[in-house]
Amino acid sequence: MHIVPATEFSKNFGHYREIAQREPVAVTSHERVTGYFVSASAYEEYSHLKALTTKSYALNELSEETIRAIASSSMSVEHNHLNSLLDE
């Protein structure tokens, strides 16, 4: 991965655009990474993978209605055979 200060990145954008086609370019400001410049294909892959992830929530993030719905839900009877796995 290439690491470059923001001022250098802005002065030589075309150069770093070419590098980003091969590897990510980390852009820094005051010696801290503030962003990454990546190829379009790398970004599309990232977006696809991000869309596949499941979000989890803390209980305090859920509405009372959602909590009640979860508490009153039940598993379909076709999956009853899975209950035996909990006994092991």
PDB file of N, CA and C in Angstrom:
ATOM      1  N   MET A   1       0.838  -1.171   0.000  1.00  0.00           N
ATOM      2  CA  MET A   1       0.000   0.000   0.000  1.00  0.00           C
ATOM      3  C   MET A   1       0.885   1.237   0.000  1.00  0.00           C
ATOM      4  N   HIS A   2       0.494   2.167  -0.806  1.00  0.00           N
ATOM      5  CA  HIS A   2       1.191   3.453  -0.879  1.00  0.00           C
ATOM      6  C   HIS A   2       0.633   4.391   0.183  1.00  0.00           C
ATOM      7  N   ILE A   3       1.481   5.109   0.858  1.00  0.00           N
ATOM      8  CA  ILE A   3       1.050   6.115   1.841  1.00  0.00           C
ATOM      9  C   ILE A   3       1.597   7.453   1.383  1.00  0.00           C
ATOM     10  N   VAL A   4       0.722   8.462   1.296  1.00  0.00           N
ATOM     11  CA  VAL A   4       1.133   9.746   0.750  1.00  0.00           C
ATOM     12  C   VAL A   4       0.433  10.885   1.508  1.00  0.00           C
ATOM     13  N   PRO A   5       1.150  11.972   1.792  1.00  0.00           N
ATOM     14  CA  PRO A   5       0.512  13.136   2.417  1.00  0.00           C
ATOM     15  C   PRO A   5      -0.511  13.766   1.469  1.00  0.00           C
ATOM     16  N   ALA A   6      -1.548  14.354   2.010  1.00  0.00           N
ATOM     17  CA  ALA A   6      -2.617  14.948   1.213  1.00  0.00           C
ATOM     18  C   ALA A   6      -2.097  15.991   0.235  1.00  0.00           C
ATOM     19  N   THR A   7      -1.135  16.799   0.649  1.00  0.00           N
ATOM     20  CA  THR A   7      -0.611  17.832  -0.250  1.00  0.00           C
ATOM     21  C   THR A   7       0.065  17.205  -1.470  1.00  0.00           C
ATOM     22  N   GLU A   8       0.830  16.154  -1.249  1.00  0.00           N
ATOM     23  CA  GLU A   8       1.493  15.440  -2.340  1.00  0.00           C
ATOM     24  C   GLU A   8       0.449  14.775  -3.236  1.00  0.00           C
ATOM     25  N   PHE A   9      -0.553  14.193  -2.624  1.00  0.00           N
ATOM     26  CA  PHE A   9      -1.626  13.529  -3.369  1.00  0.00           C
ATOM     27  C   PHE A   9      -2.328  14.514  -4.297  1.00  0.00           C
ATOM     28  N   SER A  10      -2.664  15.690  -3.778  1.00  0.00           N
ATOM     29  CA  SER A  10      -3.387  16.671  -4.602  1.00  0.00           C
ATOM     30  C   SER A  10      -2.507  17.245  -5.718  1.00  0.00           C
ATOM     31  N   LYS A  11      -1.221  17.379  -5.462  1.00  0.00           N
ATOM     32  CA  LYS A  11      -0.316  17.902  -6.491  1.00  0.00           C
ATOM     33  C   LYS A  11      -0.092  16.913  -7.622  1.00  0.00           C
ATOM     34  N   ASN A  12      -0.124  15.636  -7.297  1.00  0.00           N
ATOM     35  CA  ASN A  12       0.184  14.592  -8.280  1.00  0.00           C
ATOM     36  C   ASN A  12      -0.948  13.576  -8.394  1.00  0.00           C
ATOM     37  N   PHE A  13      -2.158  14.076  -8.465  1.00  0.00           N
ATOM     38  CA  PHE A  13      -3.341  13.213  -8.501  1.00  0.00           C
ATOM     39  C   PHE A  13      -3.253  12.153  -9.594  1.00  0.00           C
ATOM     40  N   GLY A  14      -2.884  12.534 -10.792  1.00  0.00           N
ATOM     41  CA  GLY A  14      -2.809  11.600 -11.917  1.00  0.00           C
ATOM     42  C   GLY A  14      -1.882  10.431 -11.632  1.00  0.00           C
ATOM     43  N   HIS A  15      -0.754  10.723 -11.017  1.00  0.00           N
ATOM     44  CA  HIS A  15       0.213   9.681 -10.664  1.00  0.00           C
ATOM     45  C   HIS A  15      -0.404   8.686  -9.682  1.00  0.00           C
ATOM     46  N   TYR A  16      -1.060   9.198  -8.654  1.00  0.00           N
ATOM     47  CA  TYR A  16      -1.641   8.318  -7.634  1.00  0.00           C
ATOM     48  C   TYR A  16      -2.890   7.608  -8.144  1.00  0.00           C
ATOM     49  N   ARG A  17      -3.573   8.204  -9.132  1.00  0.00           N
ATOM     50  CA  ARG A  17      -4.700   7.529  -9.760  1.00  0.00           C
ATOM     51  C   ARG A  17      -4.216   6.256 -10.444  1.00  0.00           C
ATOM     52  N   GLU A  18      -3.062   6.322 -11.074  1.00  0.00           N
ATOM     53  CA  GLU A  18      -2.487   5.139 -11.729  1.00  0.00           C
ATOM     54  C   GLU A  18      -2.067   4.089 -10.701  1.00  0.00           C
ATOM     55  N   ILE A  19      -1.454   4.531  -9.620  1.00  0.00           N
ATOM     56  CA  ILE A  19      -1.029   3.596  -8.570  1.00  0.00           C
ATOM     57  C   ILE A  19      -2.248   2.888  -7.972  1.00  0.00           C
ATOM     58  N   ALA A  20      -3.341   3.636  -7.788  1.00  0.00           N
ATOM     59  CA  ALA A  20      -4.552   3.077  -7.186  1.00  0.00           C
ATOM     60  C   ALA A  20      -5.164   1.961  -8.029  1.00  0.00           C
ATOM     61  N   GLN A  21      -4.798   1.883  -9.302  1.00  0.00           N
ATOM     62  CA  GLN A  21      -5.290   0.784 -10.133  1.00  0.00           C
ATOM     63  C   GLN A  21      -4.635  -0.536  -9.744  1.00  0.00           C
ATOM     64  N   ARG A  22      -3.493  -0.460  -9.066  1.00  0.00           N
ATOM     65  CA  ARG A  22      -2.758  -1.657  -8.652  1.00  0.00           C
ATOM     66  C   ARG A  22      -2.847  -1.932  -7.156  1.00  0.00           C
ATOM     67  N   GLU A  23      -2.930  -0.863  -6.359  1.00  0.00           N
ATOM     68  CA  GLU A  23      -2.949  -1.017  -4.900  1.00  0.00           C
ATOM     69  C   GLU A  23      -3.574   0.224  -4.271  1.00  0.00           C
ATOM     70  N   PRO A  24      -4.132   0.091  -3.059  1.00  0.00           N
ATOM     71  CA  PRO A  24      -4.723   1.252  -2.402  1.00  0.00           C
ATOM     72  C   PRO A  24      -3.670   2.318  -2.087  1.00  0.00           C
ATOM     73  N   VAL A  25      -4.106   3.559  -2.101  1.00  0.00           N
ATOM     74  CA  VAL A  25      -3.254   4.680  -1.724  1.00  0.00           C
ATOM     75  C   VAL A  25      -3.851   5.292  -0.459  1.00  0.00           C
ATOM     76  N   ALA A  26      -3.100   5.251   0.644  1.00  0.00           N
ATOM     77  CA  ALA A  26      -3.543   5.858   1.899  1.00  0.00           C
ATOM     78  C   ALA A  26      -3.126   7.320   1.883  1.00  0.00           C
ATOM     79  N   VAL A  27      -4.075   8.211   2.096  1.00  0.00           N
ATOM     80  CA  VAL A  27      -3.813   9.649   2.092  1.00  0.00           C
ATOM     81  C   VAL A  27      -3.779  10.115   3.544  1.00  0.00           C
ATOM     82  N   THR A  28      -2.689  10.810   3.911  1.00  0.00           N
ATOM     83  CA  THR A  28      -2.514  11.230   5.298  1.00  0.00           C
ATOM     84  C   THR A  28      -2.600  12.746   5.443  1.00  0.00           C
ATOM     85  N   SER A  29      -2.933  13.150   6.643  1.00  0.00           N
ATOM     86  CA  SER A  29      -2.908  14.553   7.021  1.00  0.00           C
ATOM     87  C   SER A  29      -2.406  14.597   8.461  1.00  0.00           C
ATOM     88  N   HIS A  30      -1.372  15.362   8.700  1.00  0.00           N
ATOM     89  CA  HIS A  30      -0.744  15.438  10.021  1.00  0.00           C
ATOM     90  C   HIS A  30      -0.372  14.045  10.526  1.00  0.00           C
ATOM     91  N   GLU A  31       0.174  13.238   9.599  1.00  0.00           N
ATOM     92  CA  GLU A  31       0.686  11.893   9.882  1.00  0.00           C
ATOM     93  C   GLU A  31      -0.387  10.884  10.295  1.00  0.00           C
ATOM     94  N   ARG A  32      -1.657  11.192  10.018  1.00  0.00           N
ATOM     95  CA  ARG A  32      -2.756  10.249  10.288  1.00  0.00           C
ATOM     96  C   ARG A  32      -3.457   9.954   8.966  1.00  0.00           C
ATOM     97  N   VAL A  33      -3.795   8.695   8.744  1.00  0.00           N
ATOM     98  CA  VAL A  33      -4.524   8.334   7.526  1.00  0.00           C
ATOM     99  C   VAL A  33      -5.925   8.917   7.621  1.00  0.00           C
ATOM    100  N   THR A  34      -6.301   9.702   6.609  1.00  0.00           N
ATOM    101  CA  THR A  34      -7.621  10.320   6.594  1.00  0.00           C
ATOM    102  C   THR A  34      -8.521   9.722   5.523  1.00  0.00           C
ATOM    103  N   GLY A  35      -7.978   8.905   4.647  1.00  0.00           N
ATOM    104  CA  GLY A  35      -8.780   8.265   3.620  1.00  0.00           C
ATOM    105  C   GLY A  35      -7.939   7.380   2.738  1.00  0.00           C
ATOM    106  N   TYR A  36      -8.623   6.647   1.890  1.00  0.00           N
ATOM    107  CA  TYR A  36      -7.949   5.745   0.967  1.00  0.00           C
ATOM    108  C   TYR A  36      -8.457   6.007  -0.439  1.00  0.00           C
ATOM    109  N   PHE A  37      -7.581   5.945  -1.394  1.00  0.00           N
ATOM    110  CA  PHE A  37      -7.934   6.081  -2.795  1.00  0.00           C
ATOM    111  C   PHE A  37      -7.749   4.708  -3.404  1.00  0.00           C
ATOM    112  N   VAL A  38      -8.830   4.154  -3.959  1.00  0.00           N
ATOM    113  CA  VAL A  38      -8.792   2.803  -4.516  1.00  0.00           C
ATOM    114  C   VAL A  38      -9.377   2.811  -5.918  1.00  0.00           C
ATOM    115  N   SER A  39      -9.124   1.749  -6.641  1.00  0.00           N
ATOM    116  CA  SER A  39      -9.666   1.619  -7.990  1.00  0.00           C
ATOM    117  C   SER A  39     -11.180   1.432  -7.929  1.00  0.00           C
ATOM    118  N   ALA A  40     -11.822   1.676  -9.048  1.00  0.00           N
ATOM    119  CA  ALA A  40     -13.272   1.494  -9.129  1.00  0.00           C
ATOM    120  C   ALA A  40     -13.645   0.045  -8.844  1.00  0.00           C
ATOM    121  N   SER A  41     -12.876  -0.902  -9.363  1.00  0.00           N
ATOM    122  CA  SER A  41     -13.204  -2.315  -9.130  1.00  0.00           C
ATOM    123  C   SER A  41     -13.037  -2.696  -7.662  1.00  0.00           C
ATOM    124  N   ALA A  42     -12.029  -2.158  -6.984  1.00  0.00           N
ATOM    125  CA  ALA A  42     -11.850  -2.440  -5.558  1.00  0.00           C
ATOM    126  C   ALA A  42     -13.006  -1.849  -4.748  1.00  0.00           C
ATOM    127  N   TYR A  43     -13.444  -0.656  -5.126  1.00  0.00           N
ATOM    128  CA  TYR A  43     -14.570  -0.036  -4.425  1.00  0.00           C
ATOM    129  C   TYR A  43     -15.857  -0.822  -4.654  1.00  0.00           C
ATOM    130  N   GLU A  44     -16.085  -1.282  -5.867  1.00  0.00           N
ATOM    131  CA  GLU A  44     -17.279  -2.075  -6.161  1.00  0.00           C
ATOM    132  C   GLU A  44     -17.274  -3.379  -5.376  1.00  0.00           C
ATOM    133  N   GLU A  45     -16.118  -4.001  -5.265  1.00  0.00           N
ATOM    134  CA  GLU A  45     -16.006  -5.233  -4.474  1.00  0.00           C
ATOM    135  C   GLU A  45     -16.300  -4.940  -3.003  1.00  0.00           C
ATOM    136  N   TYR A  46     -15.737  -3.853  -2.483  1.00  0.00           N
ATOM    137  CA  TYR A  46     -15.999  -3.441  -1.100  1.00  0.00           C
ATOM    138  C   TYR A  46     -17.493  -3.191  -0.887  1.00  0.00           C
ATOM    139  N   SER A  47     -18.124  -2.465  -1.808  1.00  0.00           N
ATOM    140  CA  SER A  47     -19.549  -2.159  -1.684  1.00  0.00           C
ATOM    141  C   SER A  47     -20.385  -3.426  -1.688  1.00  0.00           C
ATOM    142  N   HIS A  48     -20.025  -4.365  -2.546  1.00  0.00           N
ATOM    143  CA  HIS A  48     -20.742  -5.639  -2.610  1.00  0.00           C
ATOM    144  C   HIS A  48     -20.605  -6.404  -1.294  1.00  0.00           C
ATOM    145  N   LEU A  49     -19.388  -6.500  -0.784  1.00  0.00           N
ATOM    146  CA  LEU A  49     -19.166  -7.221   0.475  1.00  0.00           C
ATOM    147  C   LEU A  49     -19.867  -6.534   1.640  1.00  0.00           C
ATOM    148  N   LYS A  50     -19.855  -5.222   1.655  1.00  0.00           N
ATOM    149  CA  LYS A  50     -20.525  -4.481   2.725  1.00  0.00           C
ATOM    150  C   LYS A  50     -22.027  -4.735   2.693  1.00  0.00           C
ATOM    151  N   ALA A  51     -22.599  -4.808   1.506  1.00  0.00           N
ATOM    152  CA  ALA A  51     -24.036  -5.057   1.372  1.00  0.00           C
ATOM    153  C   ALA A  51     -24.417  -6.446   1.879  1.00  0.00           C
ATOM    154  N   LEU A  52     -23.480  -7.385   1.864  1.00  0.00           N
ATOM    155  CA  LEU A  52     -23.756  -8.749   2.306  1.00  0.00           C
ATOM    156  C   LEU A  52     -23.678  -8.917   3.819  1.00  0.00           C
ATOM    157  N   THR A  53     -23.085  -7.958   4.503  1.00  0.00           N
ATOM    158  CA  THR A  53     -22.908  -8.107   5.939  1.00  0.00           C
ATOM    159  C   THR A  53     -24.220  -7.895   6.678  1.00  0.00           C
ATOM    160  N   THR A  54     -24.336  -8.534   7.806  1.00  0.00           N
ATOM    161  CA  THR A  54     -25.509  -8.412   8.654  1.00  0.00           C
ATOM    162  C   THR A  54     -25.212  -7.396   9.745  1.00  0.00           C
ATOM    163  N   LYS A  55     -26.145  -6.511   9.971  1.00  0.00           N
ATOM    164  CA  LYS A  55     -25.971  -5.520  11.029  1.00  0.00           C
ATOM    165  C   LYS A  55     -26.548  -6.074  12.314  1.00  0.00           C
ATOM    166  N   SER A  56     -25.834  -5.878  13.382  1.00  0.00           N
ATOM    167  CA  SER A  56     -26.359  -6.266  14.693  1.00  0.00           C
ATOM    168  C   SER A  56     -26.713  -5.006  15.458  1.00  0.00           C
ATOM    169  N   TYR A  57     -27.619  -5.149  16.389  1.00  0.00           N
ATOM    170  CA  TYR A  57     -28.106  -4.005  17.150  1.00  0.00           C
ATOM    171  C   TYR A  57     -27.993  -4.284  18.633  1.00  0.00           C
ATOM    172  N   ALA A  58     -27.689  -3.258  19.393  1.00  0.00           N
ATOM    173  CA  ALA A  58     -27.745  -3.348  20.848  1.00  0.00           C
ATOM    174  C   ALA A  58     -29.216  -3.229  21.238  1.00  0.00           C
ATOM    175  N   LEU A  59     -29.589  -3.836  22.334  1.00  0.00           N
ATOM    176  CA  LEU A  59     -30.980  -3.825  22.764  1.00  0.00           C
ATOM    177  C   LEU A  59     -31.533  -2.403  22.890  1.00  0.00           C
ATOM    178  N   ASN A  60     -30.706  -1.476  23.374  1.00  0.00           N
ATOM    179  CA  ASN A  60     -31.192  -0.104  23.550  1.00  0.00           C
ATOM    180  C   ASN A  60     -31.398   0.630  22.224  1.00  0.00           C
ATOM    181  N   GLU A  61     -30.984   0.032  21.112  1.00  0.00           N
ATOM    182  CA  GLU A  61     -31.203   0.625  19.795  1.00  0.00           C
ATOM    183  C   GLU A  61     -32.541   0.210  19.187  1.00  0.00           C
ATOM    184  N   LEU A  62     -33.184  -0.794  19.784  1.00  0.00           N
ATOM    185  CA  LEU A  62     -34.428  -1.318  19.242  1.00  0.00           C
ATOM    186  C   LEU A  62     -35.631  -0.644  19.890  1.00  0.00           C
ATOM    187  N   SER A  63     -36.681  -0.508  19.115  1.00  0.00           N
ATOM    188  CA  SER A  63     -37.919   0.055  19.651  1.00  0.00           C
ATOM    189  C   SER A  63     -38.606  -0.998  20.522  1.00  0.00           C
ATOM    190  N   GLU A  64     -39.484  -0.541  21.399  1.00  0.00           N
ATOM    191  CA  GLU A  64     -40.243  -1.470  22.245  1.00  0.00           C
ATOM    192  C   GLU A  64     -41.063  -2.426  21.383  1.00  0.00           C
ATOM    193  N   GLU A  65     -41.608  -1.912  20.302  1.00  0.00           N
ATOM    194  CA  GLU A  65     -42.413  -2.733  19.396  1.00  0.00           C
ATOM    195  C   GLU A  65     -41.574  -3.864  18.800  1.00  0.00           C
ATOM    196  N   THR A  66     -40.352  -3.556  18.402  1.00  0.00           N
ATOM    197  CA  THR A  66     -39.457  -4.570  17.833  1.00  0.00           C
ATOM    198  C   THR A  66     -39.081  -5.594  18.889  1.00  0.00           C
ATOM    199  N   ILE A  67     -38.803  -5.148  20.095  1.00  0.00           N
ATOM    200  CA  ILE A  67     -38.447  -6.072  21.187  1.00  0.00           C
ATOM    201  C   ILE A  67     -39.609  -7.021  21.475  1.00  0.00           C
ATOM    202  N   ARG A  68     -40.829  -6.480  21.529  1.00  0.00           N
ATOM    203  CA  ARG A  68     -42.006  -7.329  21.771  1.00  0.00           C
ATOM    204  C   ARG A  68     -42.190  -8.331  20.632  1.00  0.00           C
ATOM    205  N   ALA A  69     -41.980  -7.898  19.400  1.00  0.00           N
ATOM    206  CA  ALA A  69     -42.130  -8.793  18.251  1.00  0.00           C
ATOM    207  C   ALA A  69     -41.116  -9.932  18.314  1.00  0.00           C
ATOM    208  N   ILE A  70     -39.903  -9.620  18.685  1.00  0.00           N
ATOM    209  CA  ILE A  70     -38.874 -10.662  18.802  1.00  0.00           C
ATOM    210  C   ILE A  70     -39.218 -11.625  19.934  1.00  0.00           C
ATOM    211  N   ALA A  71     -39.632 -11.073  21.061  1.00  0.00           N
ATOM    212  CA  ALA A  71     -39.952 -11.904  22.225  1.00  0.00           C
ATOM    213  C   ALA A  71     -41.131 -12.834  21.956  1.00  0.00           C
ATOM    214  N   SER A  72     -42.064 -12.408  21.148  1.00  0.00           N
ATOM    215  CA  SER A  72     -43.244 -13.236  20.888  1.00  0.00           C
ATOM    216  C   SER A  72     -43.090 -14.136  19.671  1.00  0.00           C
ATOM    217  N   SER A  73     -41.954 -14.081  19.011  1.00  0.00           N
ATOM    218  CA  SER A  73     -41.765 -14.901  17.809  1.00  0.00           C
ATOM    219  C   SER A  73     -41.474 -16.343  18.179  1.00  0.00           C
ATOM    220  N   SER A  74     -41.707 -17.224  17.228  1.00  0.00           N
ATOM    221  CA  SER A  74     -41.386 -18.634  17.450  1.00  0.00           C
ATOM    222  C   SER A  74     -40.870 -19.229  16.152  1.00  0.00           C
ATOM    223  N   MET A  75     -40.138 -20.296  16.316  1.00  0.00           N
ATOM    224  CA  MET A  75     -39.536 -20.962  15.176  1.00  0.00           C
ATOM    225  C   MET A  75     -40.585 -21.834  14.501  1.00  0.00           C
ATOM    226  N   SER A  76     -40.489 -21.961  13.216  1.00  0.00           N
ATOM    227  CA  SER A  76     -41.392 -22.817  12.459  1.00  0.00           C
ATOM    228  C   SER A  76     -41.227 -24.262  12.926  1.00  0.00           C
ATOM    229  N   VAL A  77     -42.338 -25.006  12.982  1.00  0.00           N
ATOM    230  CA  VAL A  77     -42.294 -26.395  13.448  1.00  0.00           C
ATOM    231  C   VAL A  77     -41.406 -27.277  12.576  1.00  0.00           C
ATOM    232  N   GLU A  78     -41.195 -26.889  11.348  1.00  0.00           N
ATOM    233  CA  GLU A  78     -40.338 -27.701  10.479  1.00  0.00           C
ATOM    234  C   GLU A  78     -38.894 -27.730  10.954  1.00  0.00           C
ATOM    235  N   HIS A  79     -38.555 -26.851  11.894  1.00  0.00           N
ATOM    236  CA  HIS A  79     -37.183 -26.811  12.422  1.00  0.00           C
ATOM    237  C   HIS A  79     -37.086 -27.369  13.839  1.00  0.00           C
ATOM    238  N   ASN A  80     -38.139 -28.022  14.323  1.00  0.00           N
ATOM    239  CA  ASN A  80     -38.138 -28.570  15.684  1.00  0.00           C
ATOM    240  C   ASN A  80     -36.989 -29.542  15.929  1.00  0.00           C
ATOM    241  N   HIS A  81     -36.560 -30.236  14.898  1.00  0.00           N
ATOM    242  CA  HIS A  81     -35.462 -31.201  15.053  1.00  0.00           C
ATOM    243  C   HIS A  81     -34.166 -30.518  15.509  1.00  0.00           C
ATOM    244  N   LEU A  82     -34.069 -29.226  15.311  1.00  0.00           N
ATOM    245  CA  LEU A  82     -32.866 -28.498  15.734  1.00  0.00           C
ATOM    246  C   LEU A  82     -32.817 -28.314  17.254  1.00  0.00           C
ATOM    247  N   ASN A  83     -33.969 -28.414  17.911  1.00  0.00           N
ATOM    248  CA  ASN A  83     -33.989 -28.251  19.363  1.00  0.00           C
ATOM    249  C   ASN A  83     -33.115 -29.279  20.069  1.00  0.00           C
ATOM    250  N   SER A  84     -32.998 -30.475  19.483  1.00  0.00           N
ATOM    251  CA  SER A  84     -32.167 -31.501  20.100  1.00  0.00           C
ATOM    252  C   SER A  84     -30.696 -31.093  20.141  1.00  0.00           C
ATOM    253  N   LEU A  85     -30.282 -30.222  19.247  1.00  0.00           N
ATOM    254  CA  LEU A  85     -28.898 -29.760  19.249  1.00  0.00           C
ATOM    255  C   LEU A  85     -28.594 -28.919  20.482  1.00  0.00           C
ATOM    256  N   LEU A  86     -29.618 -28.298  21.049  1.00  0.00           N
ATOM    257  CA  LEU A  86     -29.419 -27.465  22.237  1.00  0.00           C
ATOM    258  C   LEU A  86     -29.234 -28.314  23.492  1.00  0.00           C
ATOM    259  N   ASP A  87     -29.647 -29.594  23.448  1.00  0.00           N
ATOM    260  CA  ASP A  87     -29.550 -30.468  24.609  1.00  0.00           C
ATOM    261  C   ASP A  87     -28.165 -31.048  24.796  1.00  0.00           C
ATOM    262  N   GLU A  88     -27.334 -30.961  23.794  1.00  0.00           N
ATOM    263  CA  GLU A  88     -25.996 -31.586  23.879  1.00  0.00           C
ATOM    264  C   GLU A  88     -25.059 -30.812  24.767  1.00  0.00           C
TER     265      GLU A  88
END
